[in-house]
Structures are given as structure tokens and as C-alpha cells.
N, C-alpha and C. Protein backbone atom coordinates (compact mmCIF):
# COMPACT_ATOMS: atom_id res chain seq x y z
N MET A 1 73.48 161.70 110.79
CA MET A 1 73.19 160.40 111.41
C MET A 1 72.39 160.62 112.69
N SER A 2 71.34 159.82 112.88
CA SER A 2 70.53 159.95 114.09
C SER A 2 71.28 159.42 115.29
N ASP A 3 70.81 159.79 116.49
CA ASP A 3 71.41 159.28 117.72
C ASP A 3 71.30 157.76 117.79
N GLN A 4 70.18 157.23 117.23
CA GLN A 4 69.95 155.79 117.33
C GLN A 4 71.05 155.00 116.64
N GLY A 5 71.53 155.49 115.51
CA GLY A 5 72.53 154.73 114.77
C GLY A 5 73.93 155.25 114.92
N ARG A 6 74.13 156.26 115.77
CA ARG A 6 75.45 156.87 115.90
C ARG A 6 76.43 155.92 116.57
N PRO A 7 77.60 155.73 115.98
CA PRO A 7 78.60 154.83 116.58
C PRO A 7 79.14 155.40 117.88
N TYR A 8 79.48 154.52 118.79
CA TYR A 8 80.12 154.90 120.04
C TYR A 8 81.23 153.90 120.29
N ALA A 9 82.45 154.41 120.44
CA ALA A 9 83.61 153.53 120.63
C ALA A 9 83.71 152.52 119.51
N GLY A 10 83.36 152.96 118.29
CA GLY A 10 83.51 152.09 117.13
C GLY A 10 82.35 151.15 116.89
N ALA A 11 81.29 151.21 117.70
CA ALA A 11 80.15 150.29 117.54
C ALA A 11 78.85 151.08 117.51
N SER A 12 77.92 150.66 116.66
CA SER A 12 76.62 151.32 116.59
C SER A 12 75.80 150.99 117.83
N ARG A 13 74.73 151.73 118.01
CA ARG A 13 73.85 151.47 119.15
C ARG A 13 73.28 150.06 119.08
N GLU A 14 72.89 149.64 117.87
CA GLU A 14 72.32 148.30 117.71
C GLU A 14 73.33 147.23 118.08
N ALA A 15 74.58 147.43 117.68
CA ALA A 15 75.62 146.45 118.00
C ALA A 15 75.87 146.38 119.49
N ARG A 16 75.83 147.54 120.16
CA ARG A 16 76.05 147.55 121.61
C ARG A 16 74.90 146.86 122.34
N GLU A 17 73.67 147.11 121.88
CA GLU A 17 72.52 146.45 122.49
C GLU A 17 72.59 144.94 122.31
N SER A 18 72.98 144.52 121.11
CA SER A 18 73.11 143.09 120.84
C SER A 18 74.19 142.46 121.73
N ALA A 19 75.28 143.18 121.90
CA ALA A 19 76.38 142.66 122.74
C ALA A 19 75.93 142.55 124.19
N ARG A 20 75.17 143.54 124.67
CA ARG A 20 74.68 143.48 126.05
C ARG A 20 73.69 142.32 126.23
N ARG A 21 72.88 142.10 125.22
CA ARG A 21 71.94 140.97 125.29
C ARG A 21 72.70 139.65 125.41
N GLU A 22 73.76 139.51 124.62
CA GLU A 22 74.56 138.29 124.69
C GLU A 22 75.22 138.14 126.06
N GLN A 23 75.65 139.25 126.64
CA GLN A 23 76.23 139.20 127.99
C GLN A 23 75.20 138.70 129.00
N LEU A 24 73.97 139.16 128.86
CA LEU A 24 72.91 138.74 129.78
C LEU A 24 72.58 137.26 129.61
N VAL A 25 72.53 136.80 128.36
CA VAL A 25 72.24 135.38 128.11
C VAL A 25 73.35 134.51 128.69
N THR A 26 74.60 134.91 128.46
CA THR A 26 75.73 134.16 129.00
C THR A 26 75.68 134.13 130.52
N ALA A 27 75.35 135.27 131.12
CA ALA A 27 75.23 135.33 132.58
C ALA A 27 74.07 134.47 133.07
N GLY A 28 72.97 134.47 132.31
CA GLY A 28 71.82 133.65 132.68
C GLY A 28 72.15 132.17 132.68
N ILE A 29 72.84 131.72 131.65
CA ILE A 29 73.25 130.32 131.60
C ILE A 29 74.10 129.98 132.81
N SER A 30 75.05 130.85 133.12
CA SER A 30 75.95 130.60 134.25
C SER A 30 75.21 130.54 135.58
N LEU A 31 74.35 131.52 135.83
CA LEU A 31 73.64 131.57 137.12
C LEU A 31 72.57 130.49 137.23
N PHE A 32 71.76 130.32 136.18
CA PHE A 32 70.70 129.32 136.24
C PHE A 32 71.27 127.91 136.35
N GLY A 33 72.45 127.72 135.76
CA GLY A 33 73.06 126.40 135.76
C GLY A 33 73.96 126.12 136.95
N THR A 34 74.12 127.11 137.83
CA THR A 34 74.94 126.89 139.04
C THR A 34 74.10 127.15 140.29
N GLN A 35 73.60 128.38 140.45
CA GLN A 35 72.79 128.71 141.62
C GLN A 35 71.34 128.25 141.48
N GLY A 36 70.88 128.14 140.23
CA GLY A 36 69.50 127.76 139.98
C GLY A 36 68.64 128.95 139.59
N TYR A 37 67.65 128.72 138.74
CA TYR A 37 66.79 129.80 138.28
C TYR A 37 66.03 130.44 139.43
N ARG A 38 65.50 129.65 140.32
CA ARG A 38 64.66 130.18 141.39
C ARG A 38 65.44 131.00 142.40
N ALA A 39 66.74 130.82 142.45
CA ALA A 39 67.57 131.60 143.36
C ALA A 39 68.12 132.86 142.70
N ALA A 40 67.93 132.98 141.40
CA ALA A 40 68.51 134.10 140.66
C ALA A 40 67.61 135.33 140.73
N THR A 41 68.22 136.48 140.56
CA THR A 41 67.49 137.75 140.51
C THR A 41 68.02 138.56 139.33
N VAL A 42 67.24 139.55 138.93
CA VAL A 42 67.70 140.43 137.85
C VAL A 42 69.02 141.09 138.24
N GLY A 43 69.11 141.54 139.49
CA GLY A 43 70.34 142.18 139.94
C GLY A 43 71.54 141.25 139.87
N ALA A 44 71.34 139.99 140.25
CA ALA A 44 72.44 139.03 140.21
C ALA A 44 72.88 138.74 138.78
N VAL A 45 71.91 138.65 137.88
CA VAL A 45 72.25 138.42 136.47
C VAL A 45 73.05 139.59 135.92
N CYS A 46 72.61 140.80 136.23
CA CYS A 46 73.32 141.98 135.73
C CYS A 46 74.72 142.08 136.33
N ALA A 47 74.85 141.73 137.60
CA ALA A 47 76.18 141.74 138.23
C ALA A 47 77.09 140.73 137.56
N GLU A 48 76.56 139.54 137.27
CA GLU A 48 77.33 138.51 136.58
C GLU A 48 77.74 138.97 135.18
N ALA A 49 76.83 139.70 134.53
CA ALA A 49 77.10 140.19 133.18
C ALA A 49 77.98 141.44 133.17
N GLY A 50 78.15 142.07 134.33
CA GLY A 50 78.93 143.30 134.40
C GLY A 50 78.20 144.49 133.82
N LEU A 51 76.86 144.49 133.97
CA LEU A 51 76.04 145.55 133.40
C LEU A 51 75.19 146.22 134.47
N ASN A 52 74.85 147.48 134.21
CA ASN A 52 73.90 148.19 135.06
C ASN A 52 72.54 147.53 134.95
N LYS A 53 71.80 147.50 136.04
CA LYS A 53 70.51 146.80 136.07
C LYS A 53 69.55 147.31 135.01
N ARG A 54 69.63 148.57 134.65
CA ARG A 54 68.69 149.13 133.67
C ARG A 54 68.83 148.47 132.31
N TYR A 55 70.02 147.93 132.04
CA TYR A 55 70.23 147.31 130.73
C TYR A 55 69.50 145.98 130.59
N PHE A 56 69.12 145.37 131.70
CA PHE A 56 68.37 144.12 131.60
C PHE A 56 67.07 144.35 130.84
N TYR A 57 66.37 145.42 131.19
CA TYR A 57 65.05 145.67 130.61
C TYR A 57 65.13 146.22 129.19
N GLU A 58 66.30 146.47 128.73
CA GLU A 58 66.52 146.82 127.34
C GLU A 58 66.27 145.60 126.45
N SER A 59 66.54 144.40 127.00
CA SER A 59 66.41 143.16 126.22
C SER A 59 65.30 142.24 126.69
N PHE A 60 65.00 142.25 127.99
CA PHE A 60 64.03 141.30 128.54
C PHE A 60 63.07 142.00 129.50
N ALA A 61 61.81 141.61 129.44
CA ALA A 61 60.82 142.21 130.34
C ALA A 61 60.85 141.56 131.72
N THR A 62 61.14 140.26 131.76
CA THR A 62 61.14 139.53 133.03
C THR A 62 62.29 138.53 133.05
N LEU A 63 62.56 138.00 134.22
CA LEU A 63 63.58 136.97 134.35
C LEU A 63 63.15 135.70 133.61
N GLU A 64 61.86 135.45 133.56
CA GLU A 64 61.37 134.28 132.82
C GLU A 64 61.63 134.42 131.33
N ASP A 65 61.55 135.65 130.81
CA ASP A 65 61.89 135.87 129.40
C ASP A 65 63.34 135.48 129.14
N LEU A 66 64.21 135.83 130.06
CA LEU A 66 65.62 135.46 129.92
C LEU A 66 65.77 133.94 129.99
N LEU A 67 65.05 133.30 130.90
CA LEU A 67 65.12 131.84 131.01
C LEU A 67 64.72 131.18 129.69
N CYS A 68 63.69 131.67 129.06
CA CYS A 68 63.26 131.10 127.78
C CYS A 68 64.34 131.24 126.72
N GLU A 69 64.98 132.40 126.67
CA GLU A 69 66.07 132.60 125.71
C GLU A 69 67.24 131.68 126.04
N VAL A 70 67.58 131.59 127.31
CA VAL A 70 68.66 130.70 127.75
C VAL A 70 68.36 129.26 127.35
N TYR A 71 67.13 128.84 127.59
CA TYR A 71 66.76 127.46 127.28
C TYR A 71 66.83 127.18 125.78
N GLU A 72 66.40 128.13 124.97
CA GLU A 72 66.50 127.97 123.52
C GLU A 72 67.95 127.76 123.10
N ARG A 73 68.86 128.53 123.68
CA ARG A 73 70.28 128.39 123.34
C ARG A 73 70.81 127.03 123.79
N VAL A 74 70.46 126.64 125.00
CA VAL A 74 70.94 125.37 125.55
C VAL A 74 70.46 124.20 124.69
N VAL A 75 69.19 124.20 124.33
CA VAL A 75 68.64 123.09 123.55
C VAL A 75 69.21 123.06 122.14
N ALA A 76 69.48 124.21 121.57
CA ALA A 76 70.11 124.23 120.24
C ALA A 76 71.46 123.54 120.28
N ASP A 77 72.21 123.77 121.34
CA ASP A 77 73.52 123.12 121.49
C ASP A 77 73.34 121.62 121.72
N LEU A 78 72.39 121.25 122.57
CA LEU A 78 72.11 119.84 122.82
C LEU A 78 71.66 119.13 121.55
N ARG A 79 70.77 119.75 120.82
CA ARG A 79 70.24 119.16 119.59
C ARG A 79 71.35 118.86 118.59
N ALA A 80 72.30 119.77 118.48
CA ALA A 80 73.42 119.54 117.57
C ALA A 80 74.22 118.32 117.99
N SER A 81 74.30 118.07 119.28
CA SER A 81 75.08 116.93 119.79
C SER A 81 74.34 115.61 119.60
N VAL A 82 73.07 115.57 119.95
CA VAL A 82 72.35 114.30 119.92
C VAL A 82 71.98 113.87 118.51
N LEU A 83 71.93 114.81 117.58
CA LEU A 83 71.57 114.47 116.20
C LEU A 83 72.77 114.50 115.27
N ALA A 84 73.97 114.63 115.83
CA ALA A 84 75.17 114.71 114.99
C ALA A 84 75.54 113.37 114.40
N GLY A 85 75.31 112.30 115.16
CA GLY A 85 75.70 110.97 114.70
C GLY A 85 74.74 110.42 113.66
N GLY A 86 75.28 109.66 112.73
CA GLY A 86 74.46 109.02 111.72
C GLY A 86 74.15 107.59 112.12
N GLY A 87 74.14 106.71 111.17
CA GLY A 87 73.87 105.30 111.44
C GLY A 87 72.99 104.71 110.37
N GLU A 88 73.38 103.54 109.88
CA GLU A 88 72.61 102.89 108.83
C GLU A 88 71.54 101.95 109.40
N ASP A 89 71.60 101.68 110.68
CA ASP A 89 70.58 100.83 111.29
C ASP A 89 70.06 101.49 112.56
N ALA A 90 68.95 100.96 113.06
CA ALA A 90 68.29 101.57 114.21
C ALA A 90 69.19 101.61 115.44
N ALA A 91 69.94 100.53 115.67
CA ALA A 91 70.81 100.48 116.85
C ALA A 91 71.85 101.58 116.80
N ALA A 92 72.42 101.84 115.63
CA ALA A 92 73.43 102.89 115.49
C ALA A 92 72.83 104.27 115.70
N VAL A 93 71.62 104.47 115.21
CA VAL A 93 70.94 105.76 115.40
C VAL A 93 70.68 106.01 116.88
N LEU A 94 70.18 105.00 117.58
CA LEU A 94 69.90 105.14 119.01
C LEU A 94 71.17 105.34 119.81
N ARG A 95 72.21 104.61 119.47
CA ARG A 95 73.48 104.76 120.19
C ARG A 95 74.06 106.15 119.95
N GLY A 96 73.93 106.65 118.73
CA GLY A 96 74.41 108.01 118.44
C GLY A 96 73.65 109.05 119.24
N PHE A 97 72.33 108.87 119.36
CA PHE A 97 71.50 109.79 120.13
C PHE A 97 71.90 109.78 121.60
N MET A 98 71.92 108.59 122.21
CA MET A 98 72.22 108.52 123.64
C MET A 98 73.68 108.84 123.92
N GLY A 99 74.59 108.39 123.05
CA GLY A 99 76.00 108.72 123.25
C GLY A 99 76.23 110.21 123.20
N GLY A 100 75.56 110.88 122.25
CA GLY A 100 75.68 112.33 122.15
C GLY A 100 75.08 113.04 123.35
N PHE A 101 73.94 112.55 123.83
CA PHE A 101 73.26 113.15 124.98
C PHE A 101 74.13 113.03 126.24
N LEU A 102 74.65 111.83 126.49
CA LEU A 102 75.49 111.61 127.67
C LEU A 102 76.77 112.44 127.61
N ALA A 103 77.41 112.45 126.45
CA ALA A 103 78.66 113.20 126.30
C ALA A 103 78.41 114.69 126.50
N TRP A 104 77.30 115.20 125.96
CA TRP A 104 76.97 116.62 126.11
C TRP A 104 76.73 116.96 127.58
N ALA A 105 75.97 116.13 128.29
CA ALA A 105 75.66 116.40 129.69
C ALA A 105 76.92 116.41 130.55
N GLN A 106 77.84 115.51 130.27
CA GLN A 106 79.07 115.44 131.07
C GLN A 106 80.01 116.60 130.74
N ALA A 107 80.07 116.98 129.48
CA ALA A 107 80.97 118.06 129.07
C ALA A 107 80.41 119.44 129.39
N ASN A 108 79.10 119.54 129.57
CA ASN A 108 78.45 120.83 129.80
C ASN A 108 77.51 120.75 131.01
N PRO A 109 78.06 120.57 132.20
CA PRO A 109 77.21 120.37 133.38
C PRO A 109 76.32 121.57 133.71
N VAL A 110 76.79 122.77 133.41
CA VAL A 110 75.99 123.96 133.70
C VAL A 110 74.76 124.00 132.79
N GLN A 111 74.98 123.81 131.50
CA GLN A 111 73.85 123.79 130.56
C GLN A 111 72.93 122.60 130.83
N ALA A 112 73.53 121.47 131.21
CA ALA A 112 72.72 120.28 131.48
C ALA A 112 71.78 120.52 132.66
N ARG A 113 72.24 121.23 133.67
CA ARG A 113 71.36 121.53 134.81
C ARG A 113 70.16 122.37 134.37
N VAL A 114 70.41 123.33 133.49
CA VAL A 114 69.31 124.15 132.98
C VAL A 114 68.28 123.26 132.29
N HIS A 115 68.76 122.39 131.41
CA HIS A 115 67.85 121.56 130.61
C HIS A 115 67.14 120.49 131.44
N LEU A 116 67.88 119.84 132.30
CA LEU A 116 67.34 118.68 133.02
C LEU A 116 66.54 119.04 134.27
N PHE A 117 66.83 120.19 134.87
CA PHE A 117 66.24 120.50 136.17
C PHE A 117 65.58 121.88 136.26
N GLU A 118 66.28 122.92 135.83
CA GLU A 118 65.86 124.28 136.16
C GLU A 118 64.62 124.76 135.43
N VAL A 119 64.32 124.22 134.26
CA VAL A 119 63.15 124.70 133.52
C VAL A 119 61.87 123.99 133.93
N LEU A 120 61.98 122.95 134.73
CA LEU A 120 60.80 122.15 135.06
C LEU A 120 59.90 122.86 136.08
N GLY A 121 58.62 122.97 135.75
CA GLY A 121 57.64 123.50 136.68
C GLY A 121 57.70 124.99 136.93
N VAL A 122 58.37 125.74 136.08
CA VAL A 122 58.47 127.19 136.28
C VAL A 122 57.13 127.86 135.99
N SER A 123 56.55 127.55 134.85
CA SER A 123 55.28 128.14 134.45
C SER A 123 54.72 127.33 133.29
N ALA A 124 53.45 127.57 132.96
CA ALA A 124 52.84 126.89 131.82
C ALA A 124 53.57 127.24 130.53
N ARG A 125 54.01 128.47 130.42
CA ARG A 125 54.73 128.92 129.23
C ARG A 125 56.04 128.17 129.06
N VAL A 126 56.81 128.05 130.12
CA VAL A 126 58.10 127.35 130.05
C VAL A 126 57.88 125.86 129.85
N ASP A 127 56.86 125.31 130.48
CA ASP A 127 56.53 123.89 130.28
C ASP A 127 56.23 123.61 128.81
N GLU A 128 55.49 124.50 128.17
CA GLU A 128 55.15 124.32 126.76
C GLU A 128 56.40 124.41 125.89
N LEU A 129 57.30 125.32 126.21
CA LEU A 129 58.56 125.43 125.48
C LEU A 129 59.37 124.15 125.63
N TYR A 130 59.41 123.61 126.83
CA TYR A 130 60.13 122.36 127.10
C TYR A 130 59.54 121.21 126.28
N ARG A 131 58.22 121.10 126.26
CA ARG A 131 57.57 120.04 125.49
C ARG A 131 57.81 120.21 124.00
N ARG A 132 57.73 121.44 123.53
CA ARG A 132 57.91 121.69 122.10
C ARG A 132 59.32 121.34 121.64
N GLN A 133 60.30 121.71 122.44
CA GLN A 133 61.68 121.38 122.08
C GLN A 133 61.92 119.87 122.12
N GLY A 134 61.35 119.20 123.12
CA GLY A 134 61.47 117.75 123.19
C GLY A 134 60.81 117.08 122.00
N ARG A 135 59.67 117.59 121.60
CA ARG A 135 58.96 117.04 120.45
C ARG A 135 59.78 117.22 119.17
N THR A 136 60.42 118.35 119.02
CA THR A 136 61.23 118.60 117.82
C THR A 136 62.35 117.58 117.71
N ILE A 137 63.06 117.35 118.80
CA ILE A 137 64.14 116.36 118.79
C ILE A 137 63.56 114.96 118.58
N GLY A 138 62.46 114.65 119.27
CA GLY A 138 61.85 113.34 119.12
C GLY A 138 61.38 113.07 117.71
N ASP A 139 60.79 114.07 117.06
CA ASP A 139 60.33 113.89 115.68
C ASP A 139 61.50 113.60 114.74
N GLU A 140 62.60 114.32 114.92
CA GLU A 140 63.75 114.10 114.05
C GLU A 140 64.36 112.73 114.30
N LEU A 141 64.45 112.33 115.57
CA LEU A 141 65.01 111.03 115.89
C LEU A 141 64.12 109.91 115.33
N ALA A 142 62.82 110.02 115.51
CA ALA A 142 61.90 109.00 115.00
C ALA A 142 61.96 108.92 113.48
N SER A 143 62.11 110.05 112.83
CA SER A 143 62.22 110.07 111.37
C SER A 143 63.47 109.33 110.91
N ARG A 144 64.58 109.54 111.62
CA ARG A 144 65.82 108.84 111.27
C ARG A 144 65.68 107.34 111.49
N LEU A 145 65.05 106.97 112.58
CA LEU A 145 64.84 105.55 112.84
C LEU A 145 63.94 104.92 111.78
N SER A 146 62.90 105.62 111.43
CA SER A 146 61.97 105.12 110.42
C SER A 146 62.67 104.91 109.08
N ALA A 147 63.63 105.77 108.78
CA ALA A 147 64.35 105.67 107.51
C ALA A 147 65.24 104.44 107.44
N THR A 148 65.57 103.85 108.59
CA THR A 148 66.42 102.65 108.59
C THR A 148 65.61 101.37 108.39
N ALA A 149 64.29 101.47 108.48
CA ALA A 149 63.44 100.28 108.41
C ALA A 149 63.11 99.94 106.96
N ALA A 150 63.28 98.67 106.62
CA ALA A 150 62.97 98.22 105.26
C ALA A 150 61.51 97.82 105.12
N GLY A 151 60.86 97.52 106.23
CA GLY A 151 59.48 97.06 106.21
C GLY A 151 58.48 98.19 106.21
N PRO A 152 57.27 97.91 106.64
CA PRO A 152 56.21 98.92 106.69
C PRO A 152 56.62 100.12 107.56
N GLN A 153 56.26 101.30 107.12
CA GLN A 153 56.61 102.51 107.84
C GLN A 153 55.54 102.85 108.88
N LEU A 154 55.97 103.54 109.91
CA LEU A 154 55.04 104.01 110.93
C LEU A 154 54.18 105.14 110.39
N THR A 155 52.99 105.27 110.93
CA THR A 155 52.17 106.42 110.61
C THR A 155 52.75 107.65 111.31
N ALA A 156 52.26 108.82 110.95
CA ALA A 156 52.75 110.05 111.59
C ALA A 156 52.49 110.01 113.10
N GLY A 157 51.31 109.51 113.48
CA GLY A 157 51.00 109.42 114.90
C GLY A 157 51.90 108.44 115.63
N GLN A 158 52.21 107.33 114.99
CA GLN A 158 53.10 106.34 115.59
C GLN A 158 54.52 106.88 115.72
N GLN A 159 54.96 107.63 114.72
CA GLN A 159 56.29 108.25 114.81
C GLN A 159 56.35 109.24 115.97
N ARG A 160 55.27 110.00 116.17
CA ARG A 160 55.23 110.95 117.28
C ARG A 160 55.34 110.21 118.61
N ILE A 161 54.61 109.11 118.75
CA ILE A 161 54.68 108.32 119.98
C ILE A 161 56.08 107.76 120.19
N LEU A 162 56.69 107.25 119.12
CA LEU A 162 58.05 106.72 119.21
C LEU A 162 59.02 107.80 119.67
N GLY A 163 58.91 108.99 119.08
CA GLY A 163 59.79 110.09 119.46
C GLY A 163 59.62 110.48 120.91
N ASP A 164 58.36 110.56 121.37
CA ASP A 164 58.09 110.90 122.77
C ASP A 164 58.70 109.85 123.71
N MET A 165 58.54 108.58 123.36
CA MET A 165 59.06 107.51 124.20
C MET A 165 60.59 107.58 124.30
N LEU A 166 61.24 107.78 123.17
CA LEU A 166 62.70 107.77 123.16
C LEU A 166 63.28 108.98 123.88
N VAL A 167 62.70 110.15 123.64
CA VAL A 167 63.20 111.35 124.32
C VAL A 167 62.94 111.25 125.82
N GLY A 168 61.75 110.79 126.20
CA GLY A 168 61.45 110.64 127.62
C GLY A 168 62.38 109.67 128.32
N ALA A 169 62.61 108.52 127.68
CA ALA A 169 63.52 107.54 128.27
C ALA A 169 64.95 108.07 128.30
N GLY A 170 65.33 108.77 127.24
CA GLY A 170 66.69 109.32 127.19
C GLY A 170 66.93 110.35 128.28
N VAL A 171 65.96 111.24 128.48
CA VAL A 171 66.10 112.26 129.53
C VAL A 171 66.21 111.60 130.89
N GLN A 172 65.37 110.59 131.15
CA GLN A 172 65.41 109.92 132.45
C GLN A 172 66.74 109.22 132.68
N MET A 173 67.29 108.60 131.64
CA MET A 173 68.60 107.96 131.76
C MET A 173 69.68 108.97 132.11
N VAL A 174 69.64 110.11 131.44
CA VAL A 174 70.67 111.13 131.67
C VAL A 174 70.51 111.76 133.04
N VAL A 175 69.28 112.04 133.45
CA VAL A 175 69.05 112.59 134.80
C VAL A 175 69.62 111.65 135.86
N ASP A 176 69.31 110.37 135.76
CA ASP A 176 69.81 109.40 136.74
C ASP A 176 71.33 109.32 136.71
N TRP A 177 71.91 109.40 135.51
CA TRP A 177 73.36 109.32 135.36
C TRP A 177 74.05 110.54 135.96
N VAL A 178 73.50 111.72 135.72
CA VAL A 178 74.07 112.96 136.27
C VAL A 178 73.99 112.94 137.80
N ILE A 179 72.82 112.57 138.33
CA ILE A 179 72.66 112.51 139.79
C ILE A 179 73.60 111.48 140.41
N SER A 180 73.91 110.43 139.65
CA SER A 180 74.81 109.37 140.13
C SER A 180 76.27 109.69 139.87
N ASP A 181 76.56 110.98 139.62
CA ASP A 181 77.94 111.43 139.39
C ASP A 181 78.58 110.72 138.21
N TYR A 182 77.82 110.60 137.12
CA TYR A 182 78.30 110.04 135.85
C TYR A 182 78.78 108.60 135.99
N GLN A 183 78.09 107.85 136.81
CA GLN A 183 78.40 106.42 136.97
C GLN A 183 77.18 105.58 136.59
N PRO A 184 77.39 104.45 135.93
CA PRO A 184 78.67 103.89 135.48
C PRO A 184 79.28 104.72 134.37
N PRO A 185 80.55 104.47 134.00
CA PRO A 185 81.18 105.21 132.91
C PRO A 185 80.32 105.16 131.64
N ARG A 186 80.43 106.19 130.84
CA ARG A 186 79.55 106.35 129.68
C ARG A 186 79.54 105.13 128.76
N ASP A 187 80.70 104.62 128.39
CA ASP A 187 80.73 103.47 127.48
C ASP A 187 80.07 102.24 128.10
N GLU A 188 80.25 102.08 129.40
CA GLU A 188 79.62 100.94 130.08
C GLU A 188 78.10 101.09 130.06
N LEU A 189 77.63 102.31 130.31
CA LEU A 189 76.18 102.55 130.29
C LEU A 189 75.61 102.31 128.90
N LEU A 190 76.33 102.76 127.87
CA LEU A 190 75.87 102.54 126.50
C LEU A 190 75.84 101.05 126.17
N GLY A 191 76.82 100.31 126.68
CA GLY A 191 76.82 98.87 126.48
C GLY A 191 75.62 98.21 127.13
N GLN A 192 75.27 98.67 128.32
CA GLN A 192 74.09 98.15 129.01
C GLN A 192 72.82 98.48 128.22
N MET A 193 72.79 99.66 127.64
CA MET A 193 71.64 100.04 126.83
C MET A 193 71.52 99.14 125.61
N ASP A 194 72.65 98.89 124.93
CA ASP A 194 72.63 98.00 123.76
C ASP A 194 72.11 96.62 124.14
N ALA A 195 72.60 96.09 125.28
CA ALA A 195 72.18 94.76 125.72
C ALA A 195 70.69 94.75 126.05
N THR A 196 70.21 95.82 126.67
CA THR A 196 68.79 95.89 127.02
C THR A 196 67.92 95.94 125.78
N LEU A 197 68.32 96.74 124.80
CA LEU A 197 67.56 96.82 123.55
C LEU A 197 67.56 95.48 122.83
N GLY A 198 68.71 94.78 122.88
CA GLY A 198 68.78 93.46 122.28
C GLY A 198 67.83 92.49 122.95
N TRP A 199 67.76 92.56 124.28
CA TRP A 199 66.85 91.69 125.03
C TRP A 199 65.40 91.98 124.65
N ILE A 200 65.06 93.26 124.54
CA ILE A 200 63.70 93.64 124.18
C ILE A 200 63.35 93.08 122.80
N LEU A 201 64.29 93.19 121.87
CA LEU A 201 64.04 92.69 120.51
C LEU A 201 63.83 91.18 120.52
N VAL A 202 64.70 90.45 121.21
CA VAL A 202 64.58 88.99 121.26
C VAL A 202 63.27 88.59 121.94
N ALA A 203 62.95 89.24 123.06
CA ALA A 203 61.71 88.92 123.76
C ALA A 203 60.49 89.22 122.90
N GLY A 204 60.56 90.32 122.17
CA GLY A 204 59.45 90.67 121.29
C GLY A 204 59.26 89.67 120.17
N LEU A 205 60.36 89.21 119.57
CA LEU A 205 60.27 88.22 118.50
C LEU A 205 59.73 86.89 119.03
N ALA A 206 60.17 86.54 120.25
CA ALA A 206 59.69 85.29 120.85
C ALA A 206 58.19 85.35 121.09
N THR A 207 57.72 86.49 121.59
CA THR A 207 56.29 86.66 121.84
C THR A 207 55.50 86.61 120.54
N LEU A 208 56.07 87.24 119.49
CA LEU A 208 55.42 87.23 118.19
C LEU A 208 55.30 85.80 117.66
N GLY A 209 56.38 85.01 117.84
CA GLY A 209 56.35 83.62 117.39
C GLY A 209 55.32 82.80 118.14
N GLU A 210 55.21 83.03 119.44
CA GLU A 210 54.22 82.31 120.24
C GLU A 210 52.80 82.65 119.80
N ASN A 211 52.58 83.93 119.51
CA ASN A 211 51.24 84.35 119.10
C ASN A 211 50.87 83.75 117.75
N ARG A 212 51.85 83.63 116.86
CA ARG A 212 51.58 83.05 115.55
C ARG A 212 51.31 81.55 115.66
N GLY A 213 51.86 80.93 116.71
CA GLY A 213 51.67 79.49 116.87
C GLY A 213 50.34 79.13 117.51
N ASP A 214 49.66 80.14 118.06
CA ASP A 214 48.37 79.86 118.73
C ASP A 214 47.28 79.53 117.71
């Protein structure tokens, strides 16, 4: 057996490297979501992970590389929450999305800080990752909404715009809610959202009727 694959303490070299990588990612989530990405250092991450500094470069070339991996993990968890709910109509789909987003942010404040604040403006690379992940969630949400409509379907471009609008509005709602110390209570905020969407629908139908009467 080569040195590369030789077991140590019951684990192969590959398994040990994988375990150390997971330790670094876990430490990155903790530090970026509490102290902030810009305040973190490679040394601090390794200290949090309980690893020698040399092991950082075994898995990541830079701290930004770790941030990208951390963000991918955070968004995967968020995506599972916001897309978990079903719904036979558009209102139920939207409520499931926002209810899942709010519940996730409140239950996971460390991860929420990474997603809502720490990845913004780091670099063009991280900005593109942020946009791509938002687009993925937006596309899936818009597709679900489109599936509830009995009338004419949106074009692909219109679905993309709808997804961007909903994700952008959802993020802004959650940011404001987190900064406001989770006030008003989640169910109350969702009720306000339902009422607002209802108002928009009624106002839109009224405008449509007026235009048809001209």
C-alpha cells in the first residue's frame, strides 16, 4: 500500500483530508456568521477548527475560496427550506417560500448572516456566485408559480423576471426583519404579506377593468 492510501488511526489519508476540510467549512460558517468574513483570518479559522494552519492550504488556496464553499453550503440549506412547501395556488406557493425563508433565518442566525450580509461586495467572483444562487432559487419558484396558473403561461424571459423580483423582495423582507430583531412576529408578518398581495391583486383587476372600459 502506498503512503497516500495508508490508513492512520483507522482512517485513510483521503478520509482524514475530507474530515479536515469539513472542520474548516464548519469553522468558516461559525466565524463568518459571527465575527464576519472581513474580520476573519486563516489563522483564526484554523484555531476555530482545531487544526494546524498548514492544513488550511491542503483544501483551500485563499480565504475567499473557503467563503465560496461556505456560501454554497449555506444556500443549499436555505434552498431546502424555502422550496420545501408545496401549494396548489400561487398564494400558497408564495407563503411557503416566505414562511420557509423567515423560519430558516430565525432558526439559523449564523448562516443567515453569511447569506444576507457577509457575501455582499467581497469580489466579482463572490457577487456572481450570489447572483447565480439567487437565480436558481428564483427560477424554481417562478416555475412553481407558473404551474399553478390555468391561463396563458409566462415566457422564459418573463419567468426569469418574476423569479428575480420575488427573490429580491424576499431577501429585502428578511433583511429588514432580521435587523428589526424578528419583529413583527413571523405569522403576523406573513399575514401582512398576504394582505398586501391581495391588495395588489384587487388594485390590478380594478385597473384592468378601467382600461377595458375606456
